[in-house]
N, C-alpha and C. Protein backbone atom coordinates (compact mmCIF):
# COMPACT_ATOMS: atom_id res chain seq x y z
N MET A 1 105.49 91.36 89.96
CA MET A 1 104.92 92.25 90.99
C MET A 1 103.48 91.84 91.24
N ASN A 2 103.13 91.65 92.50
CA ASN A 2 101.77 91.26 92.83
C ASN A 2 100.85 92.47 92.99
N PHE A 3 99.58 92.23 93.17
CA PHE A 3 98.59 93.32 93.24
C PHE A 3 98.91 94.30 94.36
N TYR A 4 99.20 93.80 95.53
CA TYR A 4 99.46 94.67 96.68
C TYR A 4 100.71 95.55 96.45
N GLN A 5 101.76 94.96 95.89
CA GLN A 5 102.97 95.74 95.59
C GLN A 5 102.68 96.83 94.57
N ARG A 6 101.87 96.48 93.55
CA ARG A 6 101.52 97.47 92.52
C ARG A 6 100.72 98.61 93.15
N LEU A 7 99.80 98.24 94.06
CA LEU A 7 98.99 99.24 94.75
C LEU A 7 99.89 100.19 95.55
N GLN A 8 100.85 99.63 96.25
CA GLN A 8 101.82 100.45 97.02
C GLN A 8 102.59 101.39 96.11
N GLU A 9 103.07 100.88 94.96
CA GLU A 9 103.81 101.64 94.01
C GLU A 9 102.98 102.81 93.47
N LEU A 10 101.73 102.54 93.12
CA LEU A 10 100.87 103.59 92.56
C LEU A 10 100.54 104.65 93.60
N ALA A 11 100.30 104.24 94.84
CA ALA A 11 100.02 105.19 95.92
C ALA A 11 101.21 106.09 96.16
N LEU A 12 102.39 105.50 96.20
CA LEU A 12 103.61 106.28 96.39
C LEU A 12 103.81 107.29 95.26
N LYS A 13 103.61 106.81 94.02
CA LYS A 13 103.76 107.67 92.86
C LYS A 13 102.78 108.83 92.88
N LYS A 14 101.58 108.56 93.37
CA LYS A 14 100.54 109.61 93.43
C LYS A 14 100.71 110.47 94.69
N GLY A 15 101.53 110.02 95.61
CA GLY A 15 101.78 110.80 96.83
C GLY A 15 100.64 110.73 97.86
N VAL A 16 99.99 109.57 97.91
CA VAL A 16 98.88 109.41 98.86
C VAL A 16 99.10 108.13 99.69
N SER A 17 98.57 108.14 100.90
CA SER A 17 98.65 106.96 101.76
C SER A 17 97.45 106.08 101.51
N PHE A 18 97.52 104.84 101.97
CA PHE A 18 96.38 103.94 101.84
C PHE A 18 95.19 104.53 102.65
N LYS A 19 95.49 105.14 103.78
CA LYS A 19 94.41 105.74 104.59
C LYS A 19 93.70 106.83 103.80
N GLN A 20 94.45 107.67 103.08
CA GLN A 20 93.85 108.74 102.28
C GLN A 20 92.97 108.15 101.16
N ILE A 21 93.50 107.12 100.51
CA ILE A 21 92.74 106.48 99.43
C ILE A 21 91.43 105.92 99.99
N GLU A 22 91.54 105.21 101.10
CA GLU A 22 90.35 104.61 101.72
C GLU A 22 89.33 105.65 102.09
N GLU A 23 89.75 106.76 102.62
CA GLU A 23 88.81 107.84 102.96
C GLU A 23 88.18 108.43 101.74
N GLU A 24 88.98 108.72 100.71
CA GLU A 24 88.50 109.30 99.48
C GLU A 24 87.53 108.36 98.75
N MET A 25 87.85 107.07 98.75
CA MET A 25 87.04 106.11 98.03
C MET A 25 85.88 105.54 98.90
N LYS A 26 85.87 106.00 100.16
CA LYS A 26 84.84 105.54 101.12
C LYS A 26 84.90 104.02 101.35
N TYR A 27 86.14 103.53 101.47
CA TYR A 27 86.38 102.14 101.80
C TYR A 27 86.55 102.04 103.30
N SER A 28 86.23 100.90 103.88
CA SER A 28 86.42 100.73 105.30
C SER A 28 87.93 100.69 105.62
N LYS A 29 88.23 100.99 106.88
CA LYS A 29 89.62 101.06 107.35
C LYS A 29 90.33 99.74 107.08
N ASN A 30 91.55 99.83 106.60
CA ASN A 30 92.43 98.68 106.30
C ASN A 30 91.99 97.80 105.14
N THR A 31 91.08 98.31 104.32
CA THR A 31 90.65 97.54 103.14
C THR A 31 91.83 97.26 102.25
N LEU A 32 92.64 98.28 101.97
CA LEU A 32 93.75 98.13 101.04
C LEU A 32 94.85 97.21 101.62
N TYR A 33 95.05 97.29 102.93
CA TYR A 33 96.02 96.37 103.56
C TYR A 33 95.58 94.94 103.43
N GLY A 34 94.28 94.71 103.38
CA GLY A 34 93.74 93.35 103.23
C GLY A 34 94.13 92.70 101.94
N TYR A 35 94.54 93.52 100.96
CA TYR A 35 94.90 92.97 99.66
C TYR A 35 96.30 92.38 99.64
N LYS A 36 96.95 92.34 100.80
CA LYS A 36 98.23 91.62 100.92
C LYS A 36 97.98 90.12 100.72
N SER A 37 96.79 89.66 101.15
CA SER A 37 96.52 88.22 101.11
C SER A 37 95.39 87.83 100.17
N LYS A 38 94.72 88.81 99.56
CA LYS A 38 93.66 88.48 98.62
C LYS A 38 93.56 89.55 97.55
N VAL A 39 92.92 89.21 96.44
CA VAL A 39 92.73 90.14 95.34
C VAL A 39 91.28 90.65 95.41
N PRO A 40 91.06 91.95 95.16
CA PRO A 40 89.71 92.47 95.26
C PRO A 40 88.83 91.94 94.13
N GLY A 41 87.53 92.13 94.33
CA GLY A 41 86.56 91.71 93.32
C GLY A 41 86.55 92.71 92.14
N GLY A 42 85.75 92.38 91.15
CA GLY A 42 85.73 93.16 89.90
C GLY A 42 85.40 94.64 90.07
N ARG A 43 84.36 94.92 90.87
CA ARG A 43 83.97 96.33 91.05
C ARG A 43 85.08 97.14 91.68
N ARG A 44 85.74 96.58 92.67
CA ARG A 44 86.83 97.29 93.36
C ARG A 44 88.02 97.48 92.41
N LEU A 45 88.30 96.47 91.58
CA LEU A 45 89.38 96.60 90.61
C LEU A 45 89.12 97.75 89.64
N VAL A 46 87.88 97.84 89.18
CA VAL A 46 87.50 98.94 88.27
C VAL A 46 87.69 100.29 88.97
N GLU A 47 87.20 100.39 90.21
CA GLU A 47 87.32 101.66 90.95
C GLU A 47 88.75 102.07 91.15
N LEU A 48 89.60 101.10 91.53
CA LEU A 48 91.01 101.44 91.76
C LEU A 48 91.75 101.76 90.48
N SER A 49 91.43 101.05 89.39
CA SER A 49 92.10 101.36 88.12
C SER A 49 91.70 102.75 87.66
N GLN A 50 90.44 103.15 87.85
CA GLN A 50 90.03 104.50 87.49
C GLN A 50 90.67 105.53 88.41
N TYR A 51 90.76 105.25 89.66
CA TYR A 51 91.41 106.18 90.63
C TYR A 51 92.85 106.48 90.24
N PHE A 52 93.56 105.43 89.86
CA PHE A 52 94.98 105.62 89.51
C PHE A 52 95.21 105.92 88.02
N GLY A 53 94.14 105.78 87.21
CA GLY A 53 94.29 106.06 85.78
C GLY A 53 95.13 105.03 85.06
N VAL A 54 94.98 103.76 85.47
CA VAL A 54 95.73 102.68 84.83
C VAL A 54 94.77 101.56 84.43
N SER A 55 95.25 100.67 83.59
CA SER A 55 94.42 99.54 83.20
C SER A 55 94.36 98.52 84.32
N ILE A 56 93.34 97.69 84.32
CA ILE A 56 93.25 96.60 85.30
C ILE A 56 94.38 95.64 85.13
N ASP A 57 94.78 95.36 83.89
CA ASP A 57 95.93 94.48 83.64
C ASP A 57 97.20 95.01 84.31
N PHE A 58 97.41 96.30 84.23
CA PHE A 58 98.58 96.91 84.89
C PHE A 58 98.43 96.80 86.39
N LEU A 59 97.26 97.10 86.92
CA LEU A 59 97.00 97.03 88.34
C LEU A 59 97.24 95.62 88.89
N MET A 60 96.88 94.63 88.09
CA MET A 60 97.02 93.23 88.52
C MET A 60 98.44 92.68 88.29
N GLY A 61 99.30 93.49 87.67
CA GLY A 61 100.68 93.07 87.42
C GLY A 61 100.85 92.21 86.18
N ARG A 62 99.81 92.17 85.33
CA ARG A 62 99.89 91.38 84.10
C ARG A 62 100.60 92.14 82.98
N LYS A 63 100.63 93.47 83.11
CA LYS A 63 101.34 94.30 82.12
C LYS A 63 102.22 95.28 82.87
N ASN A 64 103.34 95.62 82.24
CA ASN A 64 104.26 96.55 82.88
C ASN A 64 104.13 97.98 82.41
N GLN A 65 103.26 98.20 81.42
CA GLN A 65 103.04 99.54 80.89
C GLN A 65 101.74 100.06 81.47
N GLU A 66 101.74 101.22 82.11
CA GLU A 66 100.54 101.65 82.81
C GLU A 66 99.51 102.32 81.93
N VAL A 67 99.79 102.60 80.66
CA VAL A 67 98.81 103.26 79.84
C VAL A 67 97.82 102.25 79.28
N PHE A 68 96.65 102.73 78.92
CA PHE A 68 95.68 101.86 78.29
C PHE A 68 96.13 101.55 76.90
N GLU A 69 95.73 100.40 76.38
CA GLU A 69 96.19 99.94 75.06
C GLU A 69 95.85 100.94 73.94
N ASN A 70 94.70 101.60 74.05
CA ASN A 70 94.29 102.50 72.99
C ASN A 70 94.87 103.92 73.16
N GLU A 71 95.66 104.11 74.19
CA GLU A 71 96.23 105.43 74.46
C GLU A 71 97.64 105.48 73.87
N LYS A 72 97.89 106.48 73.05
CA LYS A 72 99.21 106.66 72.39
C LYS A 72 100.16 107.33 73.36
N VAL A 73 101.33 106.83 73.46
CA VAL A 73 102.39 107.47 74.23
C VAL A 73 103.29 108.21 73.24
N TYR A 74 103.36 109.50 73.36
CA TYR A 74 104.12 110.31 72.43
C TYR A 74 105.55 110.47 72.90
N THR A 75 106.46 110.35 71.94
CA THR A 75 107.87 110.54 72.22
C THR A 75 108.20 112.01 72.05
N GLU A 76 109.39 112.38 72.48
CA GLU A 76 109.87 113.74 72.30
C GLU A 76 109.91 114.12 70.82
N GLU A 77 110.29 113.16 69.97
CA GLU A 77 110.35 113.39 68.52
C GLU A 77 108.92 113.66 67.97
N ASP A 78 107.93 112.90 68.46
CA ASP A 78 106.53 113.15 68.03
C ASP A 78 106.10 114.55 68.37
N LEU A 79 106.42 114.97 69.60
CA LEU A 79 106.04 116.31 70.07
C LEU A 79 106.72 117.41 69.25
N ASN A 80 107.95 117.17 68.88
CA ASN A 80 108.68 118.17 68.06
C ASN A 80 108.04 118.31 66.70
N ILE A 81 107.62 117.19 66.11
CA ILE A 81 106.93 117.23 64.78
C ILE A 81 105.64 118.01 64.89
N ILE A 82 104.86 117.73 65.95
CA ILE A 82 103.60 118.44 66.16
C ILE A 82 103.85 119.93 66.30
N LEU A 83 104.82 120.27 67.13
CA LEU A 83 105.10 121.69 67.35
C LEU A 83 105.59 122.39 66.07
N GLN A 84 106.40 121.71 65.28
CA GLN A 84 106.85 122.30 64.02
C GLN A 84 105.70 122.56 63.10
N ASP A 85 104.71 121.67 63.06
CA ASP A 85 103.54 121.87 62.23
C ASP A 85 102.74 123.09 62.67
N PHE A 86 102.74 123.38 63.97
CA PHE A 86 101.96 124.50 64.48
C PHE A 86 102.79 125.79 64.56
N GLU A 87 104.09 125.71 64.29
CA GLU A 87 104.96 126.87 64.42
C GLU A 87 104.48 128.04 63.58
N LYS A 88 103.97 127.78 62.39
CA LYS A 88 103.54 128.86 61.49
C LYS A 88 102.29 129.58 62.03
N PHE A 89 101.58 128.98 62.99
CA PHE A 89 100.40 129.59 63.55
C PHE A 89 100.68 130.30 64.87
N ILE A 90 101.89 130.10 65.38
CA ILE A 90 102.25 130.68 66.68
C ILE A 90 103.25 131.77 66.43
N LEU A 91 103.08 132.90 67.15
CA LEU A 91 104.05 133.99 67.05
C LEU A 91 105.43 133.50 67.47
N PRO A 92 106.45 133.96 66.76
CA PRO A 92 107.81 133.44 67.07
C PRO A 92 108.21 133.54 68.54
N PHE A 93 107.87 134.63 69.20
CA PHE A 93 108.31 134.77 70.60
C PHE A 93 107.54 133.83 71.52
N SER A 94 106.37 133.39 71.10
CA SER A 94 105.60 132.52 71.98
C SER A 94 105.83 131.02 71.66
N PHE A 95 106.53 130.74 70.56
CA PHE A 95 106.78 129.36 70.22
C PHE A 95 107.56 128.64 71.32
N ASP A 96 108.58 129.27 71.85
CA ASP A 96 109.37 128.65 72.91
C ASP A 96 108.54 128.41 74.16
N VAL A 97 107.63 129.35 74.46
CA VAL A 97 106.74 129.20 75.61
C VAL A 97 105.86 127.96 75.41
N VAL A 98 105.28 127.86 74.22
CA VAL A 98 104.40 126.72 73.92
C VAL A 98 105.20 125.43 73.99
N ARG A 99 106.37 125.44 73.37
CA ARG A 99 107.23 124.24 73.35
C ARG A 99 107.57 123.79 74.77
N SER A 100 107.89 124.70 75.65
CA SER A 100 108.23 124.30 77.01
C SER A 100 107.02 123.93 77.82
N SER A 101 105.82 124.32 77.39
CA SER A 101 104.60 124.06 78.13
C SER A 101 103.99 122.70 77.80
N VAL A 102 104.33 122.15 76.64
CA VAL A 102 103.69 120.89 76.24
C VAL A 102 103.95 119.73 77.22
N PRO A 103 105.20 119.48 77.62
CA PRO A 103 105.40 118.36 78.56
C PRO A 103 104.64 118.56 79.88
N LYS A 104 104.62 119.79 80.36
CA LYS A 104 103.89 120.06 81.62
C LYS A 104 102.38 119.83 81.40
N TYR A 105 101.87 120.27 80.27
CA TYR A 105 100.45 120.08 79.97
C TYR A 105 100.13 118.60 79.92
N LEU A 106 100.93 117.78 79.25
CA LEU A 106 100.67 116.35 79.15
C LEU A 106 100.77 115.69 80.51
N ASN A 107 101.73 116.11 81.33
CA ASN A 107 101.85 115.54 82.66
C ASN A 107 100.66 115.90 83.54
N ASP A 108 100.23 117.17 83.47
CA ASP A 108 99.05 117.60 84.23
C ASP A 108 97.82 116.84 83.78
N ARG A 109 97.67 116.65 82.48
CA ARG A 109 96.53 115.91 81.95
C ARG A 109 96.52 114.47 82.45
N LYS A 110 97.68 113.87 82.47
CA LYS A 110 97.78 112.48 82.95
C LYS A 110 97.43 112.43 84.42
N ASN A 111 97.91 113.42 85.23
CA ASN A 111 97.64 113.42 86.65
C ASN A 111 96.16 113.64 86.97
N LYS A 112 95.45 114.35 86.10
CA LYS A 112 94.03 114.56 86.32
C LYS A 112 93.26 113.26 86.23
N ARG A 113 93.76 112.32 85.43
CA ARG A 113 93.10 111.00 85.29
C ARG A 113 93.21 110.20 86.57
N LYS A 114 94.27 110.47 87.33
CA LYS A 114 94.55 109.65 88.52
C LYS A 114 93.64 109.93 89.59
């Protein structure tokens, strides 16, 4: 996957158009479309990777995993272990509420980075 295709994928996933990104980032009109034929410079790569919350390697198509290397991706099993450890501190009736809220919390947290 090339840079432009990755950019399209990330914009679609975030639910924004190139025009919206350009306005939000204060880029000139059609800046992102220009990346069909060229790769942006370092500063722009950093800005876009921060905007989407992904590594530059992922943005450039060098890696297929969008998380940063130092960021842990937790599995369902990891989350269950964490919740079991905290179960004794949570009232029984609220445990299910907390358990069902964790995936939403993690998703919201991830989306805030974007």
